[in-house]
Amino acid sequence: MKMDGLTHFNEEKRAQMVDITEKDETRRVARAQAVVVMRPETLGLILEGKMKKGDVLAVAQVAGIMAAKKTSELIPMCHPIMTTKADLSFTDDGHDRLIVTSEVHTVGKTGVEMEALTAVTVAALTVYDMCKAVDRGMQIEAARLLEKSGGKSGHFFAE
């Protein structure tokens, strides 16, 4: 039963996990992005591999992949899914921004938008954790879905 068009509520108006039993399995892909803003010197240390805690991007890569796989344990109404691909990439703006992008795939009855968003967010938090000793003023911004495909709602591209 839907309450005001929301499917996460049962007849008693309490939270429920949406029933996806009757949905078709399709190939689903989601891409998300987050931006970590920092001092230019901090970005330089990351890119040169000179952060004292180690290779920031390698650790953030693994953290993001692990996060994608654990999303249903973190977000209460997310279905556990079989992730068939999880990857992250890191680019910079040449000044003070590290852009974290994820891509997550599955073949299933529900999408991987939350997995892609969780991946970039945890990767960004990992960057903060590994660099906070030199730059506590870092900011994590603009976590957003860039694109999703598959399923009944079709293809979505962020503006």
C-alpha atoms as a PDB file:
ATOM      1  CA  MET A   1       0.000   0.000   0.000  1.00  0.00           C
ATOM      2  CA  LYS A   2       1.386   3.384  -0.952  1.00  0.00           C
ATOM      3  CA  MET A   3       1.133   6.417   1.290  1.00  0.00           C
ATOM      4  CA  ASP A   4       1.250   9.619  -0.778  1.00  0.00           C
ATOM      5  CA  GLY A   5       3.045   7.740  -3.560  1.00  0.00           C
ATOM      6  CA  LEU A   6       5.795   6.465  -1.266  1.00  0.00           C
ATOM      7  CA  THR A   7       6.384   2.732  -1.389  1.00  0.00           C
ATOM      8  CA  HIS A   8       8.436   2.340   1.778  1.00  0.00           C
ATOM      9  CA  PHE A   9       5.400   2.401   4.074  1.00  0.00           C
ATOM     10  CA  ASN A  10       3.124  -0.507   4.936  1.00  0.00           C
ATOM     11  CA  GLU A  11      -0.617  -0.411   5.676  1.00  0.00           C
ATOM     12  CA  GLU A  12       0.160   0.625   9.262  1.00  0.00           C
ATOM     13  CA  LYS A  13       2.216   3.558   7.908  1.00  0.00           C
ATOM     14  CA  ARG A  14       5.439   2.020   9.188  1.00  0.00           C
ATOM     15  CA  ALA A  15       8.650   1.579   7.244  1.00  0.00           C
ATOM     16  CA  GLN A  16       9.001  -1.497   5.073  1.00  0.00           C
ATOM     17  CA  MET A  17      11.418  -2.848   2.516  1.00  0.00           C
ATOM     18  CA  VAL A  18       9.723  -2.587  -0.886  1.00  0.00           C
ATOM     19  CA  ASP A  19       8.621  -5.896  -2.414  1.00  0.00           C
ATOM     20  CA  ILE A  20      10.570  -6.427  -5.642  1.00  0.00           C
ATOM     21  CA  THR A  21       9.542 -10.060  -6.097  1.00  0.00           C
ATOM     22  CA  GLU A  22       7.632  -9.457  -9.332  1.00  0.00           C
ATOM     23  CA  LYS A  23      10.160  -7.093 -10.935  1.00  0.00           C
ATOM     24  CA  ASP A  24      12.146  -8.254 -13.943  1.00  0.00           C
ATOM     25  CA  GLU A  25      15.857  -8.826 -13.701  1.00  0.00           C
ATOM     26  CA  THR A  26      17.734  -6.411 -15.925  1.00  0.00           C
ATOM     27  CA  ARG A  27      21.290  -5.150 -16.315  1.00  0.00           C
ATOM     28  CA  ARG A  28      21.612  -2.088 -14.098  1.00  0.00           C
ATOM     29  CA  VAL A  29      24.399   0.466 -13.940  1.00  0.00           C
ATOM     30  CA  ALA A  30      24.836   3.566 -11.800  1.00  0.00           C
ATOM     31  CA  ARG A  31      27.534   6.213 -11.702  1.00  0.00           C
ATOM     32  CA  ALA A  32      27.944   8.705  -8.870  1.00  0.00           C
ATOM     33  CA  GLN A  33      30.366  11.439  -7.921  1.00  0.00           C
ATOM     34  CA  ALA A  34      31.588  13.299  -4.851  1.00  0.00           C
ATOM     35  CA  VAL A  35      34.070  16.155  -4.586  1.00  0.00           C
ATOM     36  CA  VAL A  36      36.619  16.644  -1.827  1.00  0.00           C
ATOM     37  CA  VAL A  37      37.739  20.265  -1.537  1.00  0.00           C
ATOM     38  CA  MET A  38      41.089  20.809   0.159  1.00  0.00           C
ATOM     39  CA  ARG A  39      44.115  23.049   0.244  1.00  0.00           C
ATOM     40  CA  PRO A  40      46.161  22.870  -2.972  1.00  0.00           C
ATOM     41  CA  GLU A  41      49.134  21.626  -0.926  1.00  0.00           C
ATOM     42  CA  THR A  42      47.074  18.709   0.368  1.00  0.00           C
ATOM     43  CA  LEU A  43      46.001  17.736  -3.131  1.00  0.00           C
ATOM     44  CA  GLY A  44      49.639  17.874  -4.190  1.00  0.00           C
ATOM     45  CA  LEU A  45      50.670  15.493  -1.414  1.00  0.00           C
ATOM     46  CA  ILE A  46      47.936  13.051  -2.422  1.00  0.00           C
ATOM     47  CA  LEU A  47      48.801  13.137  -6.118  1.00  0.00           C
ATOM     48  CA  GLU A  48      52.542  12.801  -5.439  1.00  0.00           C
ATOM     49  CA  GLY A  49      51.959   9.881  -3.050  1.00  0.00           C
ATOM     50  CA  LYS A  50      53.634  11.738  -0.184  1.00  0.00           C
ATOM     51  CA  MET A  51      50.930  11.505   2.490  1.00  0.00           C
ATOM     52  CA  LYS A  52      52.411   9.947   5.641  1.00  0.00           C
ATOM     53  CA  LYS A  53      49.557   7.444   6.035  1.00  0.00           C
ATOM     54  CA  GLY A  54      50.262   5.910   2.622  1.00  0.00           C
ATOM     55  CA  ASP A  55      48.719   5.828  -0.839  1.00  0.00           C
ATOM     56  CA  VAL A  56      45.496   7.763  -0.264  1.00  0.00           C
ATOM     57  CA  LEU A  57      43.916   6.934  -3.604  1.00  0.00           C
ATOM     58  CA  ALA A  58      44.643   3.197  -3.367  1.00  0.00           C
ATOM     59  CA  VAL A  59      43.104   2.997   0.100  1.00  0.00           C
ATOM     60  CA  ALA A  60      40.106   5.134  -0.922  1.00  0.00           C
ATOM     61  CA  GLN A  61      39.605   2.887  -3.984  1.00  0.00           C
ATOM     62  CA  VAL A  62      39.366  -0.236  -1.831  1.00  0.00           C
ATOM     63  CA  ALA A  63      37.188   1.533   0.761  1.00  0.00           C
ATOM     64  CA  GLY A  64      34.741   2.620  -1.937  1.00  0.00           C
ATOM     65  CA  ILE A  65      34.488  -0.866  -3.409  1.00  0.00           C
ATOM     66  CA  MET A  66      33.948  -2.379   0.024  1.00  0.00           C
ATOM     67  CA  ALA A  67      31.285   0.239   0.774  1.00  0.00           C
ATOM     68  CA  ALA A  68      29.382  -0.540  -2.420  1.00  0.00           C
ATOM     69  CA  LYS A  69      29.246  -4.197  -1.385  1.00  0.00           C
ATOM     70  CA  LYS A  70      28.032  -3.315   2.149  1.00  0.00           C
ATOM     71  CA  THR A  71      25.391  -0.719   1.246  1.00  0.00           C
ATOM     72  CA  SER A  72      22.415  -2.810   2.354  1.00  0.00           C
ATOM     73  CA  GLU A  73      24.029  -3.136   5.791  1.00  0.00           C
ATOM     74  CA  LEU A  74      24.276   0.654   6.108  1.00  0.00           C
ATOM     75  CA  ILE A  75      21.042   1.910   4.517  1.00  0.00           C
ATOM     76  CA  PRO A  76      18.057   0.273   6.233  1.00  0.00           C
ATOM     77  CA  MET A  77      15.678  -0.147   3.272  1.00  0.00           C
ATOM     78  CA  CYS A  78      18.242  -1.119   0.618  1.00  0.00           C
ATOM     79  CA  HIS A  79      17.988  -4.626  -0.746  1.00  0.00           C
ATOM     80  CA  PRO A  80      21.101  -6.781  -0.607  1.00  0.00           C
ATOM     81  CA  ILE A  81      22.220  -7.187  -4.207  1.00  0.00           C
ATOM     82  CA  MET A  82      24.825  -9.107  -6.131  1.00  0.00           C
ATOM     83  CA  THR A  83      27.264  -6.442  -7.249  1.00  0.00           C
ATOM     84  CA  THR A  84      28.871  -7.570 -10.493  1.00  0.00           C
ATOM     85  CA  LYS A  85      31.222  -4.593 -10.852  1.00  0.00           C
ATOM     86  CA  ALA A  86      32.370  -1.770  -8.611  1.00  0.00           C
ATOM     87  CA  ASP A  87      35.064   0.661  -9.687  1.00  0.00           C
ATOM     88  CA  LEU A  88      36.186   4.137  -8.674  1.00  0.00           C
ATOM     89  CA  SER A  89      38.242   6.758 -10.423  1.00  0.00           C
ATOM     90  CA  PHE A  90      39.904   9.907  -9.142  1.00  0.00           C
ATOM     91  CA  THR A  91      40.574  13.102 -11.056  1.00  0.00           C
ATOM     92  CA  ASP A  92      41.511  16.579  -9.931  1.00  0.00           C
ATOM     93  CA  ASP A  93      40.834  20.104 -11.080  1.00  0.00           C
ATOM     94  CA  GLY A  94      44.514  21.078 -10.952  1.00  0.00           C
ATOM     95  CA  HIS A  95      43.933  23.277  -7.926  1.00  0.00           C
ATOM     96  CA  ASP A  96      42.017  22.176  -4.824  1.00  0.00           C
ATOM     97  CA  ARG A  97      39.413  19.560  -5.771  1.00  0.00           C
ATOM     98  CA  LEU A  98      39.607  15.788  -5.912  1.00  0.00           C
ATOM     99  CA  ILE A  99      36.703  14.332  -7.884  1.00  0.00           C
ATOM    100  CA  VAL A 100      35.706  10.796  -6.909  1.00  0.00           C
ATOM    101  CA  THR A 101      33.558   8.880  -9.422  1.00  0.00           C
ATOM    102  CA  SER A 102      32.100   5.403  -9.013  1.00  0.00           C
ATOM    103  CA  GLU A 103      30.524   2.943 -11.387  1.00  0.00           C
ATOM    104  CA  VAL A 104      28.551  -0.014 -10.062  1.00  0.00           C
ATOM    105  CA  HIS A 105      26.866  -2.809 -12.060  1.00  0.00           C
ATOM    106  CA  THR A 106      24.457  -5.625 -11.304  1.00  0.00           C
ATOM    107  CA  VAL A 107      21.959  -7.859 -13.014  1.00  0.00           C
ATOM    108  CA  GLY A 108      18.926  -7.902 -10.791  1.00  0.00           C
ATOM    109  CA  LYS A 109      15.526  -6.619  -9.745  1.00  0.00           C
ATOM    110  CA  THR A 110      16.671  -3.359  -8.196  1.00  0.00           C
ATOM    111  CA  GLY A 111      19.166  -0.667  -9.091  1.00  0.00           C
ATOM    112  CA  VAL A 112      22.589   0.207  -7.756  1.00  0.00           C
ATOM    113  CA  GLU A 113      22.208   3.951  -7.264  1.00  0.00           C
ATOM    114  CA  MET A 114      22.667   3.688  -3.505  1.00  0.00           C
ATOM    115  CA  GLU A 115      25.712   1.474  -3.945  1.00  0.00           C
ATOM    116  CA  ALA A 116      27.320   4.006  -6.298  1.00  0.00           C
ATOM    117  CA  LEU A 117      26.555   6.884  -3.919  1.00  0.00           C
ATOM    118  CA  THR A 118      27.802   4.947  -0.896  1.00  0.00           C
ATOM    119  CA  ALA A 119      31.015   4.093  -2.750  1.00  0.00           C
ATOM    120  CA  VAL A 120      31.929   7.724  -3.512  1.00  0.00           C
ATOM    121  CA  THR A 121      30.914   8.942  -0.079  1.00  0.00           C
ATOM    122  CA  VAL A 122      32.998   6.371   1.793  1.00  0.00           C
ATOM    123  CA  ALA A 123      35.922   6.903  -0.578  1.00  0.00           C
ATOM    124  CA  ALA A 124      35.712  10.664   0.111  1.00  0.00           C
ATOM    125  CA  LEU A 125      35.543  10.016   3.863  1.00  0.00           C
ATOM    126  CA  THR A 126      38.620   7.820   3.531  1.00  0.00           C
ATOM    127  CA  VAL A 127      40.481  10.642   1.796  1.00  0.00           C
ATOM    128  CA  TYR A 128      39.496  12.924   4.685  1.00  0.00           C
ATOM    129  CA  ASP A 129      40.603  10.377   7.272  1.00  0.00           C
ATOM    130  CA  MET A 130      43.984   9.838   5.658  1.00  0.00           C
ATOM    131  CA  CYS A 131      44.652  13.568   5.156  1.00  0.00           C
ATOM    132  CA  LYS A 132      43.065  15.202   8.215  1.00  0.00           C
ATOM    133  CA  ALA A 133      46.407  15.527   9.996  1.00  0.00           C
ATOM    134  CA  VAL A 134      47.515  18.071   7.391  1.00  0.00           C
ATOM    135  CA  ASP A 135      44.155  19.611   6.426  1.00  0.00           C
ATOM    136  CA  ARG A 136      41.218  19.449   8.853  1.00  0.00           C
ATOM    137  CA  GLY A 137      39.356  22.023   6.759  1.00  0.00           C
ATOM    138  CA  MET A 138      38.644  19.647   3.882  1.00  0.00           C
ATOM    139  CA  GLN A 139      35.036  19.532   2.713  1.00  0.00           C
ATOM    140  CA  ILE A 140      33.107  16.744   1.052  1.00  0.00           C
ATOM    141  CA  GLU A 141      30.678  18.241  -1.446  1.00  0.00           C
ATOM    142  CA  ALA A 142      28.356  17.478  -4.301  1.00  0.00           C
ATOM    143  CA  ALA A 143      27.716  13.777  -3.706  1.00  0.00           C
ATOM    144  CA  ARG A 144      25.236  13.000  -6.450  1.00  0.00           C
ATOM    145  CA  LEU A 145      23.988  10.440  -8.897  1.00  0.00           C
ATOM    146  CA  LEU A 146      25.402  11.099 -12.372  1.00  0.00           C
ATOM    147  CA  GLU A 147      23.677   8.367 -14.330  1.00  0.00           C
ATOM    148  CA  LYS A 148      21.611   5.224 -13.937  1.00  0.00           C
ATOM    149  CA  SER A 149      20.320   2.711 -16.433  1.00  0.00           C
ATOM    150  CA  GLY A 150      18.218  -0.412 -16.349  1.00  0.00           C
ATOM    151  CA  GLY A 151      14.883  -1.185 -14.821  1.00  0.00           C
ATOM    152  CA  LYS A 152      11.407   0.142 -15.427  1.00  0.00           C
ATOM    153  CA  SER A 153      12.270   3.811 -14.933  1.00  0.00           C
ATOM    154  CA  GLY A 154      14.795   3.767 -17.763  1.00  0.00           C
ATOM    155  CA  HIS A 155      17.895   5.879 -18.236  1.00  0.00           C
ATOM    156  CA  PHE A 156      18.699   8.905 -16.064  1.00  0.00           C
ATOM    157  CA  PHE A 157      21.437  11.469 -16.698  1.00  0.00           C
ATOM    158  CA  ALA A 158      22.158  14.282 -14.232  1.00  0.00           C
ATOM    159  CA  GLU A 159      22.051  17.779 -15.648  1.00  0.00           C
END
